[in-house]
N, C-alpha and C. Protein backbone atom coordinates (compact mmCIF):
# COMPACT_ATOMS: atom_id res chain seq x y z
N UNK A 1 105.06 96.35 88.66
CA UNK A 1 105.52 96.41 90.04
C UNK A 1 104.32 96.62 90.96
N UNK A 2 104.26 95.81 92.00
CA UNK A 2 103.22 95.97 93.00
C UNK A 2 103.54 97.14 93.91
N UNK A 3 102.53 97.66 94.59
CA UNK A 3 102.73 98.74 95.54
C UNK A 3 103.67 98.32 96.67
N UNK A 4 103.67 97.04 97.00
CA UNK A 4 104.47 96.56 98.12
C UNK A 4 105.86 96.09 97.68
N UNK A 5 106.27 96.39 96.44
CA UNK A 5 107.60 96.05 95.96
C UNK A 5 108.38 97.31 95.60
N UNK A 6 109.68 97.26 95.87
CA UNK A 6 110.53 98.43 95.67
C UNK A 6 111.80 98.03 94.93
N UNK A 7 112.19 98.86 93.96
CA UNK A 7 113.41 98.62 93.20
C UNK A 7 114.63 99.06 94.00
N UNK A 8 115.73 98.33 93.82
CA UNK A 8 116.99 98.74 94.43
C UNK A 8 118.14 98.49 93.46
N UNK A 9 119.26 99.13 93.74
CA UNK A 9 120.48 98.97 92.95
C UNK A 9 121.65 98.82 93.92
N UNK A 10 122.31 97.68 93.87
CA UNK A 10 123.42 97.41 94.77
C UNK A 10 124.65 98.23 94.38
N UNK A 11 125.43 98.66 95.36
CA UNK A 11 126.66 99.42 95.06
C UNK A 11 127.65 98.64 94.19
N UNK A 12 127.88 97.37 94.50
CA UNK A 12 128.84 96.55 93.75
C UNK A 12 128.14 95.51 92.89
N UNK A 13 127.23 94.76 93.47
CA UNK A 13 126.50 93.74 92.74
C UNK A 13 126.98 92.34 93.07
N UNK A 14 126.07 91.39 92.95
CA UNK A 14 126.36 89.98 93.17
C UNK A 14 127.03 89.43 91.91
N UNK A 15 128.20 88.82 92.09
CA UNK A 15 128.91 88.22 90.96
C UNK A 15 128.58 86.74 90.94
N UNK A 16 128.01 86.28 89.82
CA UNK A 16 127.65 84.86 89.73
C UNK A 16 128.84 84.02 89.31
N UNK A 17 128.64 82.72 89.22
CA UNK A 17 129.72 81.77 88.92
C UNK A 17 130.30 81.96 87.52
N UNK A 18 129.57 82.63 86.65
CA UNK A 18 130.05 82.87 85.29
C UNK A 18 130.62 84.27 85.11
N UNK A 19 130.72 85.03 86.22
CA UNK A 19 131.28 86.37 86.16
C UNK A 19 130.27 87.46 85.88
N UNK A 20 129.00 87.09 85.75
CA UNK A 20 127.95 88.09 85.54
C UNK A 20 127.69 88.86 86.82
N UNK A 21 127.39 90.14 86.68
CA UNK A 21 127.12 91.00 87.84
C UNK A 21 125.64 91.35 87.88
N UNK A 22 125.03 91.13 89.04
CA UNK A 22 123.61 91.39 89.24
C UNK A 22 123.48 92.53 90.27
N UNK A 23 123.08 93.71 89.81
CA UNK A 23 122.98 94.88 90.69
C UNK A 23 121.55 95.32 90.97
N UNK A 24 120.67 95.13 90.02
CA UNK A 24 119.31 95.67 90.14
C UNK A 24 118.35 94.58 90.61
N UNK A 25 117.47 94.96 91.53
CA UNK A 25 116.53 93.98 92.04
C UNK A 25 115.26 94.60 92.58
N UNK A 26 114.44 93.72 93.12
CA UNK A 26 113.16 94.12 93.72
C UNK A 26 113.07 93.49 95.11
N UNK A 27 112.54 94.28 96.03
CA UNK A 27 112.31 93.80 97.39
C UNK A 27 110.88 94.13 97.76
N UNK A 28 110.21 93.16 98.37
CA UNK A 28 108.83 93.38 98.82
C UNK A 28 108.85 93.71 100.31
N UNK A 29 107.72 94.25 100.77
CA UNK A 29 107.57 94.51 102.19
C UNK A 29 107.52 93.20 102.96
N UNK A 30 108.02 93.21 104.17
CA UNK A 30 108.00 92.02 105.03
C UNK A 30 106.59 91.79 105.56
N UNK A 31 106.29 90.53 105.85
CA UNK A 31 104.98 90.15 106.37
C UNK A 31 105.15 89.37 107.67
N UNK A 32 104.06 89.11 108.33
CA UNK A 32 104.09 88.28 109.53
C UNK A 32 104.61 86.88 109.23
N UNK A 33 104.28 86.37 108.06
CA UNK A 33 104.75 85.04 107.66
C UNK A 33 106.28 84.99 107.63
N UNK A 34 106.90 86.09 107.22
CA UNK A 34 108.37 86.14 107.19
C UNK A 34 108.95 85.92 108.58
N UNK A 35 108.33 86.52 109.57
CA UNK A 35 108.79 86.35 110.95
C UNK A 35 108.66 84.90 111.40
N UNK A 36 107.59 84.25 111.02
CA UNK A 36 107.37 82.84 111.38
C UNK A 36 108.43 81.95 110.72
N UNK A 37 108.69 82.21 109.44
CA UNK A 37 109.70 81.43 108.71
C UNK A 37 111.05 81.55 109.40
N UNK A 38 111.40 82.75 109.82
CA UNK A 38 112.69 82.98 110.48
C UNK A 38 112.76 82.20 111.78
N UNK A 39 111.70 82.26 112.58
CA UNK A 39 111.70 81.57 113.86
C UNK A 39 111.78 80.06 113.72
N UNK A 40 111.27 79.52 112.62
CA UNK A 40 111.28 78.08 112.41
C UNK A 40 112.56 77.58 111.73
N UNK A 41 113.35 78.49 111.19
CA UNK A 41 114.53 78.08 110.44
C UNK A 41 115.59 77.45 111.35
N UNK A 42 115.98 76.23 111.03
CA UNK A 42 116.94 75.49 111.83
C UNK A 42 118.30 76.18 111.90
N UNK A 43 118.77 76.68 110.79
CA UNK A 43 120.09 77.33 110.75
C UNK A 43 120.08 78.59 111.60
N UNK A 44 118.99 79.36 111.56
CA UNK A 44 118.90 80.58 112.36
C UNK A 44 118.91 80.24 113.85
N UNK A 45 118.24 79.15 114.22
CA UNK A 45 118.25 78.76 115.64
C UNK A 45 119.65 78.37 116.08
N UNK A 46 120.42 77.74 115.19
CA UNK A 46 121.79 77.35 115.51
C UNK A 46 122.75 78.52 115.45
N UNK A 47 122.52 79.45 114.54
CA UNK A 47 123.40 80.60 114.35
C UNK A 47 122.56 81.84 114.07
N UNK A 48 122.19 82.58 115.12
CA UNK A 48 121.32 83.77 114.96
C UNK A 48 121.86 84.81 113.97
N UNK A 49 123.16 84.84 113.74
CA UNK A 49 123.72 85.80 112.80
C UNK A 49 123.26 85.53 111.37
N UNK A 50 122.80 84.31 111.10
CA UNK A 50 122.35 83.92 109.77
C UNK A 50 120.95 84.49 109.45
N UNK A 51 120.31 85.03 110.46
CA UNK A 51 118.94 85.55 110.32
C UNK A 51 118.82 86.56 109.19
N UNK A 52 119.78 87.44 109.07
CA UNK A 52 119.72 88.48 108.05
C UNK A 52 119.62 87.88 106.65
N UNK A 53 120.36 86.80 106.40
CA UNK A 53 120.34 86.19 105.07
C UNK A 53 119.00 85.52 104.80
N UNK A 54 118.40 84.93 105.83
CA UNK A 54 117.10 84.29 105.66
C UNK A 54 116.02 85.35 105.40
N UNK A 55 116.05 86.42 106.17
CA UNK A 55 115.08 87.51 105.97
C UNK A 55 115.19 88.06 104.56
N UNK A 56 116.39 88.43 104.16
CA UNK A 56 116.57 89.02 102.84
C UNK A 56 116.19 88.06 101.72
N UNK A 57 116.50 86.78 101.87
CA UNK A 57 116.15 85.83 100.83
C UNK A 57 114.64 85.69 100.68
N UNK A 58 113.91 85.94 101.75
CA UNK A 58 112.45 85.89 101.69
C UNK A 58 111.84 87.12 101.02
N UNK A 59 112.44 88.28 101.21
CA UNK A 59 111.81 89.51 100.72
C UNK A 59 112.37 90.01 99.39
N UNK A 60 113.54 89.51 98.97
CA UNK A 60 114.07 89.90 97.66
C UNK A 60 113.39 89.00 96.62
N UNK A 61 112.63 89.62 95.75
CA UNK A 61 111.88 88.85 94.76
C UNK A 61 112.65 88.66 93.46
N UNK A 62 113.66 89.50 93.26
CA UNK A 62 114.49 89.38 92.05
C UNK A 62 115.80 90.09 92.30
N UNK A 63 116.87 89.52 91.77
CA UNK A 63 118.19 90.16 91.82
C UNK A 63 118.85 89.93 90.47
N UNK A 64 118.82 90.95 89.63
CA UNK A 64 119.29 90.78 88.25
C UNK A 64 118.43 89.75 87.56
N UNK A 65 119.06 88.76 86.95
CA UNK A 65 118.31 87.70 86.27
C UNK A 65 117.99 86.54 87.21
N UNK A 66 118.36 86.68 88.48
CA UNK A 66 118.10 85.63 89.47
C UNK A 66 116.72 85.84 90.07
N UNK A 67 115.86 84.85 89.94
CA UNK A 67 114.51 84.97 90.50
C UNK A 67 114.36 84.17 91.79
N UNK A 68 115.25 83.21 92.04
CA UNK A 68 115.21 82.44 93.28
C UNK A 68 116.42 82.84 94.13
N UNK A 69 116.18 83.74 95.05
CA UNK A 69 117.24 84.24 95.92
C UNK A 69 117.25 83.42 97.20
N UNK A 70 118.37 82.80 97.49
CA UNK A 70 118.50 81.93 98.66
C UNK A 70 119.52 82.52 99.63
N UNK A 71 119.45 82.10 100.91
CA UNK A 71 120.47 82.55 101.86
C UNK A 71 121.88 82.19 101.38
N UNK A 72 122.04 81.01 100.80
CA UNK A 72 123.35 80.57 100.30
C UNK A 72 123.87 81.52 99.23
N UNK A 73 122.99 81.94 98.34
CA UNK A 73 123.37 82.89 97.29
C UNK A 73 123.82 84.22 97.91
N UNK A 74 123.07 84.69 98.91
CA UNK A 74 123.38 85.97 99.54
C UNK A 74 124.68 85.94 100.33
N UNK A 75 125.15 84.76 100.69
CA UNK A 75 126.45 84.65 101.36
C UNK A 75 127.57 85.20 100.47
N UNK A 76 127.35 85.22 99.18
CA UNK A 76 128.37 85.66 98.22
C UNK A 76 128.39 87.18 98.01
N UNK A 77 127.47 87.91 98.63
CA UNK A 77 127.44 89.36 98.47
C UNK A 77 128.68 90.02 99.07
N UNK A 78 129.10 91.10 98.46
CA UNK A 78 130.12 91.94 99.08
C UNK A 78 129.50 92.57 100.32
N UNK A 79 130.29 92.84 101.33
CA UNK A 79 129.79 93.40 102.58
C UNK A 79 129.04 94.71 102.35
N UNK A 80 129.55 95.56 101.48
CA UNK A 80 128.88 96.84 101.22
C UNK A 80 127.46 96.61 100.68
N UNK A 81 127.27 95.56 99.88
CA UNK A 81 125.94 95.26 99.34
C UNK A 81 125.02 94.69 100.42
N UNK A 82 125.57 93.87 101.31
CA UNK A 82 124.76 93.33 102.40
C UNK A 82 124.30 94.45 103.32
N UNK A 83 125.18 95.36 103.64
CA UNK A 83 124.81 96.51 104.48
C UNK A 83 123.76 97.37 103.78
N UNK A 84 123.93 97.58 102.48
CA UNK A 84 122.95 98.34 101.71
C UNK A 84 121.57 97.69 101.80
N UNK A 85 121.52 96.37 101.60
CA UNK A 85 120.24 95.67 101.63
C UNK A 85 119.59 95.74 103.02
N UNK A 86 120.38 95.66 104.07
CA UNK A 86 119.83 95.79 105.44
C UNK A 86 119.20 97.16 105.61
N UNK A 87 119.91 98.20 105.20
CA UNK A 87 119.39 99.56 105.34
C UNK A 87 118.16 99.78 104.46
N UNK A 88 118.17 99.23 103.26
CA UNK A 88 117.03 99.36 102.36
C UNK A 88 115.81 98.65 102.96
N UNK A 89 116.01 97.45 103.49
CA UNK A 89 114.94 96.70 104.15
C UNK A 89 114.34 97.54 105.28
N UNK A 90 115.20 98.08 106.13
CA UNK A 90 114.71 98.89 107.25
C UNK A 90 113.94 100.11 106.77
N UNK A 91 114.45 100.76 105.73
CA UNK A 91 113.80 101.98 105.23
C UNK A 91 112.41 101.69 104.67
N UNK A 92 112.26 100.67 103.84
CA UNK A 92 110.95 100.43 103.22
C UNK A 92 109.95 99.87 104.22
N UNK A 93 110.41 99.17 105.24
CA UNK A 93 109.49 98.59 106.21
C UNK A 93 109.14 99.57 107.33
N UNK A 94 109.81 100.69 107.42
CA UNK A 94 109.48 101.71 108.40
C UNK A 94 108.80 102.91 107.76
N UNK A 95 108.70 102.90 106.45
CA UNK A 95 108.20 104.04 105.70
C UNK A 95 106.85 104.56 106.18
N UNK A 96 105.94 103.65 106.50
CA UNK A 96 104.60 104.07 106.92
C UNK A 96 104.42 104.02 108.44
N UNK A 97 105.51 104.28 109.15
CA UNK A 97 105.41 104.30 110.60
C UNK A 97 105.55 102.94 111.25
N UNK A 98 105.90 101.94 110.45
CA UNK A 98 106.10 100.60 111.01
C UNK A 98 107.31 100.54 111.91
N UNK A 99 107.46 99.45 112.60
CA UNK A 99 108.56 99.35 113.55
C UNK A 99 109.51 98.19 113.23
N UNK A 100 109.33 97.54 112.09
CA UNK A 100 110.23 96.45 111.72
C UNK A 100 111.63 96.98 111.52
N UNK A 101 112.59 96.25 112.01
CA UNK A 101 113.98 96.59 111.81
C UNK A 101 114.77 95.30 111.70
N UNK A 102 115.67 95.25 110.75
CA UNK A 102 116.47 94.04 110.57
C UNK A 102 117.16 93.66 111.87
N UNK A 103 117.58 94.64 112.64
CA UNK A 103 118.25 94.35 113.90
C UNK A 103 117.32 93.74 114.94
N UNK A 104 116.02 93.95 114.79
CA UNK A 104 115.07 93.42 115.76
C UNK A 104 114.50 92.09 115.35
N UNK A 105 114.65 91.71 114.09
CA UNK A 105 114.10 90.44 113.63
C UNK A 105 114.90 89.28 114.13
């Protein structure tokens, strides 16, 4: 594990198409590049509410056995897990006095 990556455990977990549940994952710290990717994303420009899924798909490096986390995949999360990930994102990116917040991205 890198210093800039943090383990998390979802309250419910992502259920895949085969019924497998993915609860444990890794999230890295956000970078300036993440902000640029969000601003350039066509779907985010059309629907700003989609921003959260794009941000999280960029910073989640693993979710269970899933190594390629996409916004489409995250659409399948239970609401409690999505809220958890937002709060976790905010906590790890503010830990050292930073000002990043999912609500501000």
